[in-house]
Amino acid sequence: MNIFASRNSRPANTLRLSRGFTLVELLVVIAIIGVLSTLLLLQLGTARAKARDTKRITDVSGIRTAVELYYDDFNGVYPTAISTANIGKYLAAPTVPNDPVTAVAYFYAYSPAASPTKFHIWTELENKNTAALAGDGDMNSTGWSGSAFNASVATTEACTAAYAAGVARDCVYDTGQK
């Protein structure tokens, strides 16, 4: 028996290799983390788009309620514009909400021009063919004053270019009084 031998009977090169990770192992772990983070970011983007669409629908519904309250207070006439001066006091917030992405006011049309008895409020959603779009107004305000639009026919939707021919398309959430 050799009393001068090392306590560890493994060869020196084996001991050195077992102390850390190889470059290949590190690259595999980094690649997996990258794929998982990409999937997470994609899901967050979809959730954010859905949240913005929900805000748009809520805003348009709130504006519709304010316009209806204006109608009640002004002897059966709708406003000729959706502004803070016209409907601000009927809204939960003191100002008229705008689109969460573009910060542009929601679209509003009215008819007839002199004493409006009809109105149409609409906005384009990011998510197409959602359940909210199945229950919206799908009105045609072509020829009315303001931001007139025909949301009653799928081929006139603002998002038509986003779909292949023959595919059902609906991306405009609208409401109003016909």
Protein backbone atom coordinates (compact mmCIF):
# COMPACT_ATOMS: atom_id res chain seq x y z
CA MET A 1 0.00 0.00 0.00
CA ASN A 2 1.30 3.38 -1.00
CA ILE A 3 0.90 5.89 1.78
CA PHE A 4 1.91 8.80 -0.44
CA ALA A 5 -1.01 8.36 -2.85
CA SER A 6 -3.69 11.01 -3.07
CA ARG A 7 -6.94 10.47 -1.22
CA ASN A 8 -8.79 10.75 -4.49
CA SER A 9 -8.05 7.79 -6.68
CA ARG A 10 -9.50 9.39 -9.86
CA PRO A 11 -7.16 10.63 -12.53
CA ALA A 12 -6.52 14.38 -12.47
CA ASN A 13 -8.15 15.06 -15.85
CA THR A 14 -11.48 13.44 -14.74
CA LEU A 15 -11.63 15.64 -11.70
CA ARG A 16 -11.15 18.77 -13.78
CA LEU A 17 -13.95 17.90 -16.25
CA SER A 18 -16.59 17.30 -13.59
CA ARG A 19 -16.31 20.76 -12.03
CA GLY A 20 -18.49 22.75 -14.51
CA PHE A 21 -20.79 22.75 -17.51
CA THR A 22 -19.62 22.28 -21.03
CA LEU A 23 -20.13 24.97 -23.64
CA VAL A 24 -22.73 22.83 -25.43
CA GLU A 25 -24.77 22.43 -22.23
CA LEU A 26 -24.72 26.18 -21.65
CA LEU A 27 -25.79 26.91 -25.23
CA VAL A 28 -28.69 24.46 -24.99
CA VAL A 29 -29.93 26.07 -21.77
CA ILE A 30 -29.63 29.57 -23.28
CA ALA A 31 -31.55 28.44 -26.39
CA ILE A 32 -34.35 26.95 -24.28
CA ILE A 33 -34.61 30.15 -22.23
CA GLY A 34 -34.74 32.18 -25.45
CA VAL A 35 -37.56 30.07 -26.92
CA LEU A 36 -39.58 30.24 -23.70
CA SER A 37 -39.17 34.01 -23.40
CA THR A 38 -40.23 34.47 -27.04
CA LEU A 39 -43.38 32.44 -26.44
CA LEU A 40 -44.11 34.47 -23.33
CA LEU A 41 -43.72 37.78 -25.16
CA LEU A 42 -46.02 36.60 -27.95
CA GLN A 43 -48.70 35.71 -25.42
CA LEU A 44 -48.31 39.05 -23.66
CA GLY A 45 -48.78 40.86 -26.99
CA THR A 46 -52.03 38.99 -27.64
CA ALA A 47 -53.28 39.71 -24.14
CA ARG A 48 -52.47 43.40 -24.52
CA ALA A 49 -54.34 43.58 -27.84
CA LYS A 50 -57.38 41.95 -26.23
CA ALA A 51 -57.20 44.44 -23.36
CA ARG A 52 -57.05 47.37 -25.79
CA ASP A 53 -60.05 45.96 -27.70
CA THR A 54 -61.98 45.63 -24.45
CA LYS A 55 -61.19 49.27 -23.67
CA ARG A 56 -62.37 50.32 -27.14
CA ILE A 57 -65.67 48.45 -26.73
CA THR A 58 -66.18 49.92 -23.25
CA ASP A 59 -65.39 53.42 -24.52
CA VAL A 60 -67.79 53.14 -27.46
CA SER A 61 -70.53 51.83 -25.15
CA GLY A 62 -69.93 54.71 -22.73
CA ILE A 63 -70.06 57.24 -25.55
CA ARG A 64 -73.30 55.69 -26.78
CA THR A 65 -74.83 56.06 -23.32
CA ALA A 66 -73.67 59.70 -23.13
CA VAL A 67 -75.13 60.43 -26.59
CA GLU A 68 -78.45 58.87 -25.54
CA LEU A 69 -78.50 60.99 -22.36
CA TYR A 70 -77.79 64.08 -24.48
CA TYR A 71 -80.73 63.09 -26.69
CA ASP A 72 -83.00 62.91 -23.65
CA ASP A 73 -81.92 66.35 -22.41
CA PHE A 74 -82.08 68.09 -25.81
CA ASN A 75 -85.61 67.21 -26.95
CA GLY A 76 -84.87 64.21 -29.12
CA VAL A 77 -81.85 65.54 -31.02
CA TYR A 78 -78.44 63.85 -31.03
CA PRO A 79 -75.22 65.92 -30.89
CA THR A 80 -73.43 66.83 -34.11
CA ALA A 81 -70.07 65.89 -32.56
CA ILE A 82 -68.80 63.81 -29.68
CA SER A 83 -66.84 66.35 -27.70
CA THR A 84 -66.33 67.14 -24.05
CA ALA A 85 -68.47 70.26 -24.50
CA ASN A 86 -71.40 68.22 -25.84
CA ILE A 87 -71.38 64.98 -23.87
CA GLY A 88 -68.67 65.45 -21.24
CA LYS A 89 -71.11 65.78 -18.35
CA TYR A 90 -72.70 62.43 -19.25
CA LEU A 91 -69.42 60.48 -19.19
CA ALA A 92 -67.81 58.80 -16.18
CA ALA A 93 -64.57 60.68 -16.90
CA PRO A 94 -64.72 64.42 -17.62
CA THR A 95 -63.29 63.99 -21.14
CA VAL A 96 -64.30 61.95 -24.18
CA PRO A 97 -62.11 58.83 -24.43
CA ASN A 98 -59.86 58.23 -27.44
CA ASP A 99 -58.44 55.10 -29.04
CA PRO A 100 -55.77 53.61 -26.71
CA VAL A 101 -53.20 53.19 -29.51
CA THR A 102 -53.73 56.10 -31.90
CA ALA A 103 -55.15 58.59 -29.34
CA VAL A 104 -57.64 59.63 -32.06
CA ALA A 105 -61.31 60.13 -31.24
CA TYR A 106 -63.72 57.31 -32.05
CA PHE A 107 -65.66 57.73 -35.30
CA TYR A 108 -69.11 59.34 -35.14
CA ALA A 109 -71.72 59.97 -37.82
CA TYR A 110 -75.19 61.47 -37.50
CA SER A 111 -78.26 62.12 -39.64
CA PRO A 112 -79.95 64.30 -40.70
CA ALA A 113 -77.43 67.13 -40.58
CA ALA A 114 -79.71 69.83 -39.13
CA SER A 115 -81.47 67.99 -36.25
CA PRO A 116 -79.89 64.54 -35.90
CA THR A 117 -82.25 61.70 -34.97
CA LYS A 118 -79.80 58.90 -35.85
CA PHE A 119 -76.19 58.29 -34.90
CA HIS A 120 -73.42 55.76 -35.54
CA ILE A 121 -70.26 55.30 -33.42
CA TRP A 122 -67.56 52.90 -34.59
CA THR A 123 -63.96 51.82 -34.14
CA GLU A 124 -61.68 49.19 -35.63
CA LEU A 125 -60.53 46.40 -33.31
CA GLU A 126 -57.15 44.67 -33.41
CA ASN A 127 -58.58 41.17 -33.03
CA LYS A 128 -60.76 40.15 -35.94
CA ASN A 129 -63.94 38.05 -35.77
CA THR A 130 -64.25 38.19 -31.96
CA ALA A 131 -67.45 37.46 -30.05
CA ALA A 132 -68.07 41.18 -29.45
CA LEU A 133 -68.22 41.75 -33.19
CA ALA A 134 -70.99 39.18 -33.55
CA GLY A 135 -73.26 41.25 -31.32
CA ASP A 136 -72.49 44.78 -32.50
CA GLY A 137 -74.69 47.04 -34.62
CA ASP A 138 -73.32 46.46 -38.14
CA MET A 139 -74.89 49.72 -39.28
CA ASN A 140 -74.67 51.60 -42.56
CA SER A 141 -74.21 55.36 -42.12
CA THR A 142 -73.16 56.05 -45.70
CA GLY A 143 -74.36 59.51 -46.71
CA TRP A 144 -74.61 60.77 -43.13
CA SER A 145 -72.65 63.72 -41.74
CA GLY A 146 -69.43 63.06 -39.85
CA SER A 147 -67.40 59.84 -40.15
CA ALA A 148 -69.91 57.82 -42.15
CA PHE A 149 -69.19 54.14 -42.68
CA ASN A 150 -70.89 50.98 -43.92
CA ALA A 151 -70.33 48.23 -41.35
CA SER A 152 -73.31 46.20 -42.52
CA VAL A 153 -71.46 44.44 -45.36
CA ALA A 154 -68.31 42.43 -44.66
CA THR A 155 -66.57 43.61 -47.83
CA THR A 156 -66.74 47.25 -46.72
CA GLU A 157 -65.02 46.64 -43.39
CA ALA A 158 -61.88 48.68 -42.84
CA CYS A 159 -59.87 45.49 -42.37
CA THR A 160 -60.83 43.86 -45.68
CA ALA A 161 -57.22 43.86 -46.89
CA ALA A 162 -56.19 41.69 -43.93
CA TYR A 163 -58.18 38.71 -45.21
CA ALA A 164 -57.97 36.37 -48.15
CA ALA A 165 -60.82 36.42 -50.65
CA GLY A 166 -63.87 34.52 -49.46
CA VAL A 167 -62.95 34.65 -45.77
CA ALA A 168 -65.54 36.10 -43.37
CA ARG A 169 -64.29 39.40 -42.10
CA ASP A 170 -65.43 41.63 -39.30
CA CYS A 171 -63.17 44.00 -37.43
CA VAL A 172 -65.33 47.09 -36.87
CA TYR A 173 -67.21 47.38 -33.61
CA ASP A 174 -70.12 49.76 -34.04
CA THR A 175 -73.28 50.84 -32.30
CA GLY A 176 -75.86 53.54 -32.71
CA GLN A 177 -79.45 54.45 -33.41
CA LYS A 178 -80.75 53.65 -36.90
